[in-house]
Amino acid sequence: MSTITVKDGTQIFYKEWGAGQPIVFHHGWPLSGDDWDNQMMFFADNGFRVIAHDRRGHGRSSPSAKGNDMDTYAADVAAVTTHLGLRNAVHIGHSTGGGEVIRYVARYGGNGRVAKAVTIGAIPPILGKTPGNPNGVPPEAIAGIRAGVIANRAQFYQDFATGPFYGFNRPGAVVSKGISDNWFRQAMAGDIKAQYDCIGAFTDTDFTADLKSIEQPVLLMHGEDDQIAPVETTSRLAIKLLKHGTLKTYPGFPHGMATTHADVINADILAFIRS
């Protein structure tokens, strides 16, 4: 099993294969690098070196009672990329992982380390409701997530995976038990303390300054039926802050569209990387 130990002693798991330009995948909450299985197979087959890590306290990385914040997440990624000697990399992040990508690229992406970035259903500029973001996710909804994780995270995660995450709660939706079960498997592998703390990281972190500072091309991909990170209050605002950004939205696609519509998403990412 491939791991590195970062400066506070936390072990970060990663997996990689393939050869060519590196692509680094950043997963959403409360999942693991396994959420990128389809993309990793696809891009390795198309001549890329693919890497996915498990965020601290998630998946196979060690439990983490501290450092569960975006600054530390980005520093952990920097440690992995330095360890692997990655240059000219493309960083791709979903949801919380999209925020992680933006913070990482803004702070560590210079000097040829990062060529391009992609976010999918991502949280920037800021997910939660604030005076400056009045249409964000309201505090009571965030409190409900916290309460659900503490009270019975197994049941909460099952309801999340079979409901809004993949749009399986929509009338006429084609429900995949395998997709929901895989989401649940990944979620329960993580540490509850780290996952609980991560809720604050993905709802409260403001990425405005990060977005403004990024020089590399960034593709923002977002489902128009995203029930977790609504496109109107996330990517449609983020695109206005990027110097070299492109926004592509998908009618009817859910938050987990990289899984439910992998063929479409993979093709569009490949076209962006090669452009």
Protein backbone atom coordinates (compact mmCIF):
# COMPACT_ATOMS: atom_id res chain seq x y z
CA MET A 1 0.00 0.00 0.00
CA SER A 2 1.46 3.40 -1.01
CA THR A 3 1.46 6.06 1.71
CA ILE A 4 3.51 9.04 2.73
CA THR A 5 3.75 10.47 6.22
CA VAL A 6 3.25 14.24 6.33
CA LYS A 7 4.83 16.55 8.89
CA ASP A 8 2.20 16.06 11.63
CA GLY A 9 2.50 12.26 11.40
CA THR A 10 -0.68 11.64 9.38
CA GLN A 11 -0.34 8.95 6.73
CA ILE A 12 -1.79 9.86 3.33
CA PHE A 13 -2.71 6.97 1.05
CA TYR A 14 -2.39 7.31 -2.71
CA LYS A 15 -2.58 5.07 -5.75
CA GLU A 16 -1.14 5.62 -9.21
CA TRP A 17 -0.55 3.94 -12.52
CA GLY A 18 0.07 4.75 -16.15
CA ALA A 19 2.67 6.96 -17.82
CA GLY A 20 2.59 10.38 -19.44
CA GLN A 21 1.31 13.74 -18.27
CA PRO A 22 0.10 13.36 -14.67
CA ILE A 23 -3.52 13.83 -13.66
CA VAL A 24 -4.24 14.17 -9.93
CA PHE A 25 -7.79 13.44 -8.74
CA HIS A 26 -9.29 15.02 -5.58
CA HIS A 27 -12.39 13.29 -4.20
CA GLY A 28 -15.52 14.68 -2.58
CA TRP A 29 -16.83 14.34 0.98
CA PRO A 30 -16.88 11.84 2.68
CA LEU A 31 -15.42 9.53 0.04
CA SER A 32 -11.99 8.30 -1.09
CA GLY A 33 -9.83 8.08 -4.17
CA ASP A 34 -11.91 5.09 -5.26
CA ASP A 35 -14.61 7.51 -6.37
CA TRP A 36 -12.40 8.16 -9.41
CA ASP A 37 -12.12 4.54 -10.58
CA ASN A 38 -13.82 5.18 -13.90
CA GLN A 39 -11.81 8.29 -14.67
CA MET A 40 -8.50 6.73 -13.67
CA MET A 41 -9.03 3.77 -15.96
CA PHE A 42 -10.16 6.01 -18.82
CA PHE A 43 -7.29 8.49 -18.63
CA ALA A 44 -4.63 5.84 -18.09
CA ASP A 45 -5.92 4.14 -21.25
CA ASN A 46 -5.56 7.49 -23.02
CA GLY A 47 -1.88 7.89 -22.18
CA PHE A 48 -1.84 9.68 -18.83
CA ARG A 49 -0.26 8.95 -15.46
CA VAL A 50 -3.15 8.94 -12.97
CA ILE A 51 -2.93 9.57 -9.23
CA ALA A 52 -5.63 9.66 -6.56
CA HIS A 53 -5.14 10.15 -2.83
CA ASP A 54 -7.44 9.65 0.14
CA ARG A 55 -7.85 12.91 2.06
CA ARG A 56 -6.65 12.74 5.67
CA GLY A 57 -9.17 10.87 7.81
CA HIS A 58 -10.88 9.48 4.70
CA GLY A 59 -10.60 6.08 3.07
CA ARG A 60 -7.23 4.42 3.73
CA SER A 61 -5.45 7.50 5.08
CA SER A 62 -4.95 7.49 8.83
CA PRO A 63 -7.61 8.91 11.17
CA SER A 64 -7.08 12.59 11.78
CA ALA A 65 -8.34 14.53 14.78
CA LYS A 66 -6.57 17.68 13.61
CA GLY A 67 -5.72 19.45 10.39
CA ASN A 68 -9.13 18.84 8.86
CA ASP A 69 -9.20 22.14 6.99
CA MET A 70 -8.52 23.33 3.45
CA ASP A 71 -5.08 24.73 4.18
CA THR A 72 -3.89 21.38 5.52
CA TYR A 73 -5.64 19.41 2.79
CA ALA A 74 -3.78 21.45 0.18
CA ALA A 75 -0.50 21.01 2.05
CA ASP A 76 -1.07 17.24 2.12
CA VAL A 77 -1.58 17.24 -1.65
CA ALA A 78 1.60 19.27 -2.05
CA ALA A 79 3.46 16.65 -0.04
CA VAL A 80 2.15 13.87 -2.29
CA THR A 81 2.95 15.71 -5.51
CA THR A 82 6.44 16.59 -4.28
CA HIS A 83 7.04 12.98 -3.24
CA LEU A 84 6.02 11.82 -6.73
CA GLY A 85 7.94 14.58 -8.50
CA LEU A 86 4.92 15.74 -10.49
CA ARG A 87 5.32 18.50 -13.08
CA ASN A 88 2.90 19.91 -15.66
CA ALA A 89 0.06 18.14 -13.88
CA VAL A 90 -3.69 18.48 -14.38
CA HIS A 91 -5.63 18.59 -11.11
CA ILE A 92 -9.27 17.47 -11.14
CA GLY A 93 -11.56 17.81 -8.13
CA HIS A 94 -15.17 16.98 -7.37
CA SER A 95 -17.26 18.88 -4.81
CA THR A 96 -15.06 19.34 -1.71
CA GLY A 97 -12.19 18.10 -3.85
CA GLY A 98 -12.87 20.98 -6.22
CA GLY A 99 -12.23 23.40 -3.39
CA GLU A 100 -9.09 21.49 -2.52
CA VAL A 101 -7.91 21.85 -6.13
CA ILE A 102 -8.48 25.61 -6.11
CA ARG A 103 -6.62 26.08 -2.81
CA TYR A 104 -3.77 23.81 -3.95
CA VAL A 105 -3.32 25.43 -7.36
CA ALA A 106 -3.45 28.93 -5.85
CA ARG A 107 -0.81 28.15 -3.22
CA TYR A 108 1.40 25.47 -4.76
CA GLY A 109 0.67 25.38 -8.48
CA GLY A 110 3.39 27.68 -9.76
CA ASN A 111 6.82 26.93 -11.22
CA GLY A 112 5.49 24.42 -13.72
CA ARG A 113 3.79 22.15 -11.21
CA VAL A 114 0.26 22.64 -12.58
CA ALA A 115 -0.74 22.98 -16.23
CA LYS A 116 -4.53 23.07 -15.92
CA ALA A 117 -7.31 22.40 -13.43
CA VAL A 118 -10.84 21.03 -13.60
CA THR A 119 -13.61 21.22 -11.01
CA ILE A 120 -16.80 19.18 -11.09
CA GLY A 121 -19.84 20.20 -9.02
CA ALA A 122 -17.44 22.14 -6.84
CA ILE A 123 -17.99 24.33 -3.78
CA PRO A 124 -16.09 27.56 -4.64
CA PRO A 125 -16.34 30.46 -4.15
CA ILE A 126 -18.13 29.56 -0.89
CA LEU A 127 -20.87 27.04 -0.29
CA GLY A 128 -22.46 28.27 2.93
CA LYS A 129 -24.69 31.27 3.40
CA THR A 130 -22.92 34.40 4.63
CA PRO A 131 -23.66 38.14 4.50
CA GLY A 132 -21.57 38.26 1.33
CA ASN A 133 -23.16 35.06 -0.05
CA PRO A 134 -26.84 35.41 0.87
CA ASN A 135 -28.00 32.64 -1.47
CA GLY A 136 -25.63 29.99 -0.11
CA VAL A 137 -26.62 26.83 1.71
CA PRO A 138 -28.42 27.99 4.90
CA PRO A 139 -26.99 27.26 8.36
CA GLU A 140 -29.89 25.01 9.30
CA ALA A 141 -29.13 22.68 6.37
CA ILE A 142 -25.48 22.50 7.40
CA ALA A 143 -26.52 21.85 11.01
CA GLY A 144 -28.69 19.01 9.72
CA ILE A 145 -25.66 17.39 8.05
CA ARG A 146 -23.66 17.63 11.25
CA ALA A 147 -26.53 16.20 13.31
CA GLY A 148 -27.02 13.34 10.87
CA VAL A 149 -23.34 12.37 10.97
CA ILE A 150 -23.24 12.39 14.78
CA ALA A 151 -26.56 10.65 15.37
CA ASN A 152 -26.21 7.77 12.89
CA ARG A 153 -23.77 8.39 10.10
CA ALA A 154 -24.44 4.99 8.53
CA GLN A 155 -28.12 5.80 8.00
CA PHE A 156 -27.37 9.38 7.02
CA TYR A 157 -24.87 8.24 4.41
CA GLN A 158 -27.25 5.65 3.01
CA ASP A 159 -29.97 8.28 2.65
CA PHE A 160 -27.52 10.72 1.04
CA ALA A 161 -26.26 8.21 -1.50
CA THR A 162 -29.70 6.92 -2.46
CA GLY A 163 -31.19 10.40 -2.60
CA PRO A 164 -29.87 13.79 -3.70
CA PHE A 165 -26.20 13.03 -4.40
CA TYR A 166 -26.88 11.19 -7.65
CA GLY A 167 -30.35 12.60 -8.22
CA PHE A 168 -31.90 9.23 -7.40
CA ASN A 169 -34.68 11.08 -5.58
CA ARG A 170 -35.92 12.68 -8.80
CA PRO A 171 -39.09 11.32 -10.46
CA GLY A 172 -38.22 8.80 -13.14
CA ALA A 173 -34.58 8.49 -12.08
CA VAL A 174 -32.81 5.26 -13.02
CA VAL A 175 -31.48 4.14 -9.64
CA SER A 176 -28.27 2.11 -9.38
CA LYS A 177 -27.90 0.17 -6.13
CA GLY A 178 -24.28 -0.55 -7.01
CA ILE A 179 -23.44 3.15 -7.25
CA SER A 180 -25.15 3.90 -3.94
CA ASP A 181 -23.52 0.93 -2.22
CA ASN A 182 -20.09 1.97 -3.45
CA TRP A 183 -20.63 5.50 -2.13
CA PHE A 184 -21.65 4.06 1.25
CA ARG A 185 -18.64 1.70 1.30
CA GLN A 186 -16.22 4.57 0.78
CA ALA A 187 -17.93 6.83 3.31
CA MET A 188 -17.93 4.28 6.12
CA ALA A 189 -14.24 3.54 5.62
CA GLY A 190 -13.36 7.02 6.86
CA ASP A 191 -12.95 8.44 10.36
CA ILE A 192 -16.03 10.13 11.80
CA LYS A 193 -14.09 12.95 13.49
CA ALA A 194 -12.30 13.89 10.27
CA GLN A 195 -15.51 13.66 8.26
CA TYR A 196 -17.38 15.78 10.80
CA ASP A 197 -14.69 18.47 10.80
CA CYS A 198 -14.63 18.43 7.00
CA ILE A 199 -18.22 19.70 6.96
CA GLY A 200 -16.95 23.06 8.18
CA ALA A 201 -14.13 22.98 5.64
CA PHE A 202 -16.48 22.53 2.69
CA THR A 203 -19.21 24.89 3.86
CA ASP A 204 -17.28 27.78 5.41
CA THR A 205 -14.07 28.13 3.39
CA ASP A 206 -13.96 31.20 1.16
CA PHE A 207 -12.01 30.59 -2.07
CA THR A 208 -12.50 34.06 -3.57
CA ALA A 209 -8.87 35.13 -3.24
CA ASP A 210 -7.66 31.75 -4.52
CA LEU A 211 -9.80 31.95 -7.64
CA LYS A 212 -8.58 35.45 -8.42
CA SER A 213 -4.92 34.47 -8.10
CA ILE A 214 -4.87 31.41 -10.38
CA GLU A 215 -3.07 31.91 -13.68
CA GLN A 216 -3.67 28.47 -15.23
CA PRO A 217 -6.70 27.58 -17.38
CA VAL A 218 -9.54 26.17 -15.28
CA LEU A 219 -12.60 24.27 -16.52
CA LEU A 220 -15.63 24.44 -14.25
CA MET A 221 -18.11 21.61 -14.92
CA HIS A 222 -21.46 21.64 -13.15
CA GLY A 223 -24.76 19.80 -13.32
CA GLU A 224 -27.75 22.08 -13.58
CA ASP A 225 -29.71 19.75 -11.26
CA ASP A 226 -27.00 19.67 -8.60
CA GLN A 227 -28.87 19.48 -5.29
CA ILE A 228 -25.75 19.57 -3.10
CA ALA A 229 -23.75 22.48 -4.55
CA PRO A 230 -26.27 24.45 -6.63
CA VAL A 231 -24.64 25.83 -9.76
CA GLU A 232 -26.18 29.30 -9.44
CA THR A 233 -24.44 29.98 -6.12
CA THR A 234 -21.14 28.19 -6.85
CA SER A 235 -19.67 27.81 -10.32
CA ARG A 236 -21.68 30.63 -11.91
CA LEU A 237 -20.06 32.93 -9.37
CA ALA A 238 -16.63 31.30 -9.47
CA ILE A 239 -16.28 31.77 -13.23
CA LYS A 240 -16.44 35.54 -12.75
CA LEU A 241 -13.34 35.44 -10.54
CA LEU A 242 -11.03 33.35 -12.72
CA LYS A 243 -8.58 34.92 -15.17
CA HIS A 244 -8.69 31.99 -17.59
CA GLY A 245 -11.85 30.09 -16.73
CA THR A 246 -14.40 28.17 -18.78
CA LEU A 247 -17.80 27.14 -17.42
CA LYS A 248 -19.67 24.19 -18.89
CA THR A 249 -23.05 23.24 -17.42
CA TYR A 250 -25.11 20.13 -18.03
CA PRO A 251 -28.93 20.23 -18.04
CA GLY A 252 -30.42 17.65 -15.70
CA PHE A 253 -27.10 16.29 -14.46
CA PRO A 254 -26.77 15.68 -10.69
CA HIS A 255 -23.99 16.40 -8.21
CA GLY A 256 -22.43 12.97 -8.78
CA MET A 257 -22.41 13.33 -12.57
CA ALA A 258 -18.82 12.11 -12.93
CA THR A 259 -20.20 8.70 -12.00
CA THR A 260 -23.68 8.76 -13.51
CA HIS A 261 -22.55 10.38 -16.77
CA ALA A 262 -18.89 9.38 -16.87
CA ASP A 263 -18.81 8.97 -20.65
CA VAL A 264 -19.83 12.61 -21.20
CA ILE A 265 -17.67 14.05 -18.43
CA ASN A 266 -14.55 12.07 -19.37
CA ALA A 267 -14.76 13.11 -23.02
CA ASP A 268 -15.14 16.79 -22.12
CA ILE A 269 -12.20 16.70 -19.70
CA LEU A 270 -10.02 14.98 -22.28
CA ALA A 271 -10.90 17.62 -24.86
CA PHE A 272 -10.02 20.39 -22.38
CA ILE A 273 -6.66 18.84 -21.48
CA ARG A 274 -5.77 18.43 -25.14
CA SER A 275 -6.92 21.92 -26.16
